[in-house]
Each structure stands twice: as C-alpha cells, then as structure tokens.
C-alpha cells in the first residue's frame, strides 16, 4: 500500500522527531503510536511537503484529527499531489 508515501512520511517524521522512524503501517496513529503533539504535527506536515512533489497543506483547513492514521494521510497525498503510487 502506497509504499512511496510511507517512505516519505517516515523521512519527514525522522526529520521532525530527531530519531529514525521506520516500520510504519497503515494503522499507525500519529498521536498515540508516535506521540506527536499538534506543534510537531504541523512541523511534520511542512517537512512532508518537501518530500512529496506538488503536495501542499492549508494549515488553517486541516488538523491532526483528519490525518491521525498513516492510511488517511496516504489517501490525502494520493488525491492532492501529482505523485503516483506503485499501486496505480
């Protein structure tokens, strides 16, 4: 499932939390499993924009509750960026 997106998510998370983040699965929760607070989550989304061509988040329109699962964030990336997955 959306392996390039999960790799981009892991890279952005590693940058934000300052430690390697690997092994994410679609059911991984950003708040409970990775202990991201709202500030860190915004920093993560900004870092993710750098990882995925064409991806932009509107910080006024989205919050952590919309993307608390890796799978929901991957779905958003697939629908709102020019990037393609290997599943397409």
N, C-alpha and C. Protein backbone atom coordinates (compact mmCIF):
# COMPACT_ATOMS: atom_id res chain seq x y z
N UNK A 1 0.82 -1.19 0.00
CA UNK A 1 0.00 0.00 0.00
C UNK A 1 0.86 1.25 0.00
N UNK A 2 0.77 2.08 -1.01
CA UNK A 2 1.36 3.42 -1.07
C UNK A 2 2.76 3.49 -0.46
N UNK A 3 3.59 2.53 -0.79
CA UNK A 3 4.94 2.46 -0.22
C UNK A 3 5.74 3.75 -0.38
N UNK A 4 5.73 4.40 -1.55
CA UNK A 4 6.50 5.66 -1.65
C UNK A 4 6.01 6.72 -0.66
N UNK A 5 4.71 6.75 -0.40
CA UNK A 5 4.19 7.73 0.55
C UNK A 5 4.62 7.39 1.97
N UNK A 6 4.58 6.14 2.33
CA UNK A 6 5.02 5.75 3.67
C UNK A 6 6.49 6.07 3.86
N UNK A 7 7.29 5.85 2.83
CA UNK A 7 8.71 6.20 2.90
C UNK A 7 8.89 7.70 3.10
N UNK A 8 8.12 8.50 2.37
CA UNK A 8 8.18 9.96 2.53
C UNK A 8 7.74 10.37 3.94
N UNK A 9 6.71 9.74 4.45
CA UNK A 9 6.22 10.02 5.81
C UNK A 9 7.30 9.67 6.83
N UNK A 10 7.93 8.52 6.68
CA UNK A 10 9.00 8.12 7.61
C UNK A 10 10.16 9.11 7.56
N UNK A 11 10.52 9.56 6.37
CA UNK A 11 11.62 10.52 6.23
C UNK A 11 11.27 11.85 6.91
N UNK A 12 10.07 12.34 6.69
CA UNK A 12 9.65 13.60 7.31
C UNK A 12 9.57 13.47 8.83
N UNK A 13 9.03 12.36 9.30
CA UNK A 13 8.95 12.14 10.75
C UNK A 13 10.34 12.07 11.38
N UNK A 14 11.26 11.39 10.72
CA UNK A 14 12.63 11.28 11.22
C UNK A 14 13.24 12.67 11.38
N UNK A 15 12.98 13.54 10.41
CA UNK A 15 13.49 14.91 10.47
C UNK A 15 12.90 15.67 11.66
N UNK A 16 11.62 15.50 11.91
CA UNK A 16 10.94 16.27 12.95
C UNK A 16 11.23 15.75 14.35
N UNK A 17 11.23 14.44 14.53
CA UNK A 17 11.40 13.90 15.89
C UNK A 17 12.87 13.71 16.26
N UNK A 18 13.76 13.78 15.28
CA UNK A 18 15.18 13.70 15.58
C UNK A 18 15.68 12.31 15.89
N UNK A 19 14.93 11.30 15.48
CA UNK A 19 15.36 9.91 15.63
C UNK A 19 14.79 9.12 14.46
N UNK A 20 15.40 8.01 14.10
CA UNK A 20 14.88 7.24 12.97
C UNK A 20 13.46 6.72 13.21
N UNK A 21 12.61 6.92 12.22
CA UNK A 21 11.24 6.40 12.26
C UNK A 21 11.10 5.45 11.07
N UNK A 22 10.87 4.18 11.37
CA UNK A 22 10.72 3.17 10.32
C UNK A 22 9.61 2.21 10.73
N UNK A 23 9.19 1.41 9.77
CA UNK A 23 8.23 0.36 10.07
C UNK A 23 6.80 0.82 10.22
N UNK A 24 6.47 1.99 9.66
CA UNK A 24 5.08 2.45 9.74
C UNK A 24 4.17 1.52 8.96
N UNK A 25 2.98 1.35 9.46
CA UNK A 25 1.94 0.56 8.79
C UNK A 25 0.72 1.46 8.66
N UNK A 26 -0.23 1.12 7.80
CA UNK A 26 -1.40 1.98 7.61
C UNK A 26 -2.15 2.30 8.90
N UNK A 27 -2.12 1.42 9.87
CA UNK A 27 -2.85 1.62 11.12
C UNK A 27 -2.09 2.44 12.16
N UNK A 28 -0.86 2.84 11.86
CA UNK A 28 -0.07 3.64 12.81
C UNK A 28 -0.78 4.96 13.07
N UNK A 29 -0.90 5.31 14.35
CA UNK A 29 -1.53 6.56 14.76
C UNK A 29 -0.44 7.56 15.15
N UNK A 30 -0.53 8.76 14.60
CA UNK A 30 0.50 9.76 14.87
C UNK A 30 0.50 10.22 16.32
N UNK A 31 -0.66 10.34 16.94
CA UNK A 31 -0.70 10.83 18.32
C UNK A 31 -0.33 9.73 19.30
N UNK A 32 -0.98 8.61 19.23
CA UNK A 32 -0.77 7.55 20.22
C UNK A 32 0.52 6.76 19.98
N UNK A 33 0.77 6.35 18.75
CA UNK A 33 1.93 5.50 18.48
C UNK A 33 3.24 6.28 18.38
N UNK A 34 3.16 7.52 17.89
CA UNK A 34 4.38 8.31 17.70
C UNK A 34 4.48 9.50 18.64
N UNK A 35 3.44 9.72 19.44
CA UNK A 35 3.43 10.77 20.46
C UNK A 35 3.70 12.17 19.88
N UNK A 36 3.09 12.46 18.71
CA UNK A 36 3.23 13.78 18.11
C UNK A 36 2.18 14.73 18.70
N UNK A 37 2.62 15.85 19.23
CA UNK A 37 1.67 16.86 19.65
C UNK A 37 1.30 17.73 18.45
N UNK A 38 0.41 18.68 18.62
CA UNK A 38 -0.08 19.47 17.49
C UNK A 38 1.03 20.29 16.84
N UNK A 39 1.93 20.84 17.63
CA UNK A 39 3.04 21.61 17.06
C UNK A 39 3.94 20.72 16.22
N UNK A 40 4.32 19.58 16.75
CA UNK A 40 5.17 18.66 16.00
C UNK A 40 4.46 18.15 14.74
N UNK A 41 3.14 17.99 14.82
CA UNK A 41 2.40 17.51 13.66
C UNK A 41 2.44 18.53 12.53
N UNK A 42 2.31 19.83 12.86
CA UNK A 42 2.41 20.86 11.83
C UNK A 42 3.81 20.87 11.23
N UNK A 43 4.83 20.74 12.07
CA UNK A 43 6.20 20.68 11.56
C UNK A 43 6.39 19.48 10.65
N UNK A 44 5.79 18.37 11.02
CA UNK A 44 5.83 17.16 10.21
C UNK A 44 5.18 17.38 8.85
N UNK A 45 4.00 18.02 8.82
CA UNK A 45 3.33 18.27 7.53
C UNK A 45 4.18 19.17 6.64
N UNK A 46 4.83 20.16 7.21
CA UNK A 46 5.71 21.03 6.42
C UNK A 46 6.89 20.25 5.87
N UNK A 47 7.47 19.38 6.67
CA UNK A 47 8.57 18.54 6.19
C UNK A 47 8.09 17.58 5.11
N UNK A 48 6.88 17.09 5.25
CA UNK A 48 6.31 16.17 4.25
C UNK A 48 6.10 16.87 2.92
N UNK A 49 5.71 18.14 2.95
CA UNK A 49 5.58 18.90 1.70
C UNK A 49 6.89 18.91 0.92
N UNK A 50 8.00 18.95 1.63
CA UNK A 50 9.31 18.92 0.97
C UNK A 50 9.62 17.56 0.36
N UNK A 51 9.00 16.51 0.87
CA UNK A 51 9.27 15.15 0.42
C UNK A 51 8.41 14.73 -0.78
N UNK A 52 7.23 15.31 -0.92
CA UNK A 52 6.28 14.87 -1.96
C UNK A 52 6.03 16.00 -2.94
N UNK A 53 6.44 15.85 -4.19
CA UNK A 53 6.23 16.91 -5.18
C UNK A 53 4.75 17.26 -5.34
N UNK A 54 4.46 18.55 -5.35
CA UNK A 54 3.11 19.01 -5.57
C UNK A 54 2.19 18.99 -4.35
N UNK A 55 2.68 18.51 -3.23
CA UNK A 55 1.85 18.42 -2.03
C UNK A 55 1.89 19.73 -1.25
N UNK A 56 0.71 20.25 -0.92
CA UNK A 56 0.60 21.44 -0.09
C UNK A 56 -0.56 21.25 0.88
N UNK A 57 -0.33 21.64 2.12
CA UNK A 57 -1.35 21.60 3.15
C UNK A 57 -1.74 23.02 3.50
N UNK A 58 -3.02 23.25 3.75
CA UNK A 58 -3.51 24.53 4.24
C UNK A 58 -3.64 24.40 5.76
N UNK A 59 -2.72 25.00 6.52
CA UNK A 59 -2.74 24.81 7.97
C UNK A 59 -4.01 25.32 8.64
N UNK A 60 -4.73 26.22 7.99
CA UNK A 60 -5.98 26.73 8.54
C UNK A 60 -7.13 25.75 8.34
N UNK A 61 -6.99 24.87 7.34
CA UNK A 61 -8.11 23.99 6.97
C UNK A 61 -7.97 22.56 7.47
N UNK A 62 -6.79 22.19 7.93
CA UNK A 62 -6.59 20.81 8.35
C UNK A 62 -6.00 20.76 9.75
N UNK A 63 -6.19 19.63 10.37
CA UNK A 63 -5.63 19.41 11.69
C UNK A 63 -5.24 17.96 11.84
N UNK A 64 -4.67 17.67 12.98
CA UNK A 64 -4.18 16.32 13.22
C UNK A 64 -5.31 15.30 13.21
N UNK A 65 -6.50 15.70 13.61
CA UNK A 65 -7.60 14.72 13.68
C UNK A 65 -7.98 14.19 12.30
N UNK A 66 -7.77 14.98 11.23
CA UNK A 66 -8.07 14.48 9.88
C UNK A 66 -7.08 13.42 9.41
N UNK A 67 -5.87 13.51 9.90
CA UNK A 67 -4.80 12.62 9.44
C UNK A 67 -4.15 11.86 10.57
N UNK A 68 -4.91 11.39 11.51
CA UNK A 68 -4.28 10.73 12.64
C UNK A 68 -3.76 9.34 12.31
N UNK A 69 -4.23 8.75 11.23
CA UNK A 69 -3.73 7.44 10.79
C UNK A 69 -2.84 7.61 9.56
N UNK A 70 -1.80 6.80 9.47
CA UNK A 70 -0.95 6.82 8.28
C UNK A 70 -1.79 6.59 7.03
N UNK A 71 -2.76 5.69 7.09
CA UNK A 71 -3.58 5.39 5.90
C UNK A 71 -4.37 6.60 5.44
N UNK A 72 -4.94 7.39 6.35
CA UNK A 72 -5.72 8.57 5.93
C UNK A 72 -4.81 9.63 5.32
N UNK A 73 -3.61 9.77 5.85
CA UNK A 73 -2.67 10.72 5.27
C UNK A 73 -2.21 10.26 3.89
N UNK A 74 -1.96 8.97 3.72
CA UNK A 74 -1.58 8.44 2.41
C UNK A 74 -2.69 8.68 1.39
N UNK A 75 -3.93 8.49 1.79
CA UNK A 75 -5.06 8.74 0.89
C UNK A 75 -5.10 10.21 0.48
N UNK A 76 -4.88 11.11 1.42
CA UNK A 76 -4.88 12.54 1.12
C UNK A 76 -3.76 12.87 0.14
N UNK A 77 -2.57 12.33 0.37
CA UNK A 77 -1.44 12.59 -0.52
C UNK A 77 -1.76 12.11 -1.93
N UNK A 78 -2.33 10.93 -2.04
CA UNK A 78 -2.66 10.37 -3.35
C UNK A 78 -3.66 11.25 -4.10
N UNK A 79 -4.57 11.86 -3.39
CA UNK A 79 -5.62 12.66 -4.01
C UNK A 79 -5.20 14.12 -4.25
N UNK A 80 -4.18 14.59 -3.53
CA UNK A 80 -3.87 16.03 -3.56
C UNK A 80 -2.45 16.36 -3.98
N UNK A 81 -1.78 15.44 -4.60
CA UNK A 81 -0.43 15.74 -5.11
C UNK A 81 -0.33 15.15 -6.50
N UNK A 82 0.71 15.49 -7.19
CA UNK A 82 0.95 14.92 -8.51
C UNK A 82 1.67 13.59 -8.45
N UNK A 83 2.00 13.15 -7.25
CA UNK A 83 2.77 11.92 -7.07
C UNK A 83 1.90 10.71 -7.34
N UNK A 84 2.52 9.66 -7.81
CA UNK A 84 1.83 8.39 -8.08
C UNK A 84 2.39 7.31 -7.16
N UNK A 85 1.54 6.35 -6.83
CA UNK A 85 1.99 5.22 -6.05
C UNK A 85 2.31 4.07 -6.99
N UNK A 86 2.95 3.05 -6.48
CA UNK A 86 3.22 1.88 -7.29
C UNK A 86 1.96 1.00 -7.40
N UNK A 87 0.86 1.40 -6.70
CA UNK A 87 -0.39 0.68 -6.80
C UNK A 87 -1.24 1.16 -7.96
N UNK A 88 -0.91 2.34 -8.52
CA UNK A 88 -1.75 2.96 -9.56
C UNK A 88 -1.66 2.22 -10.87
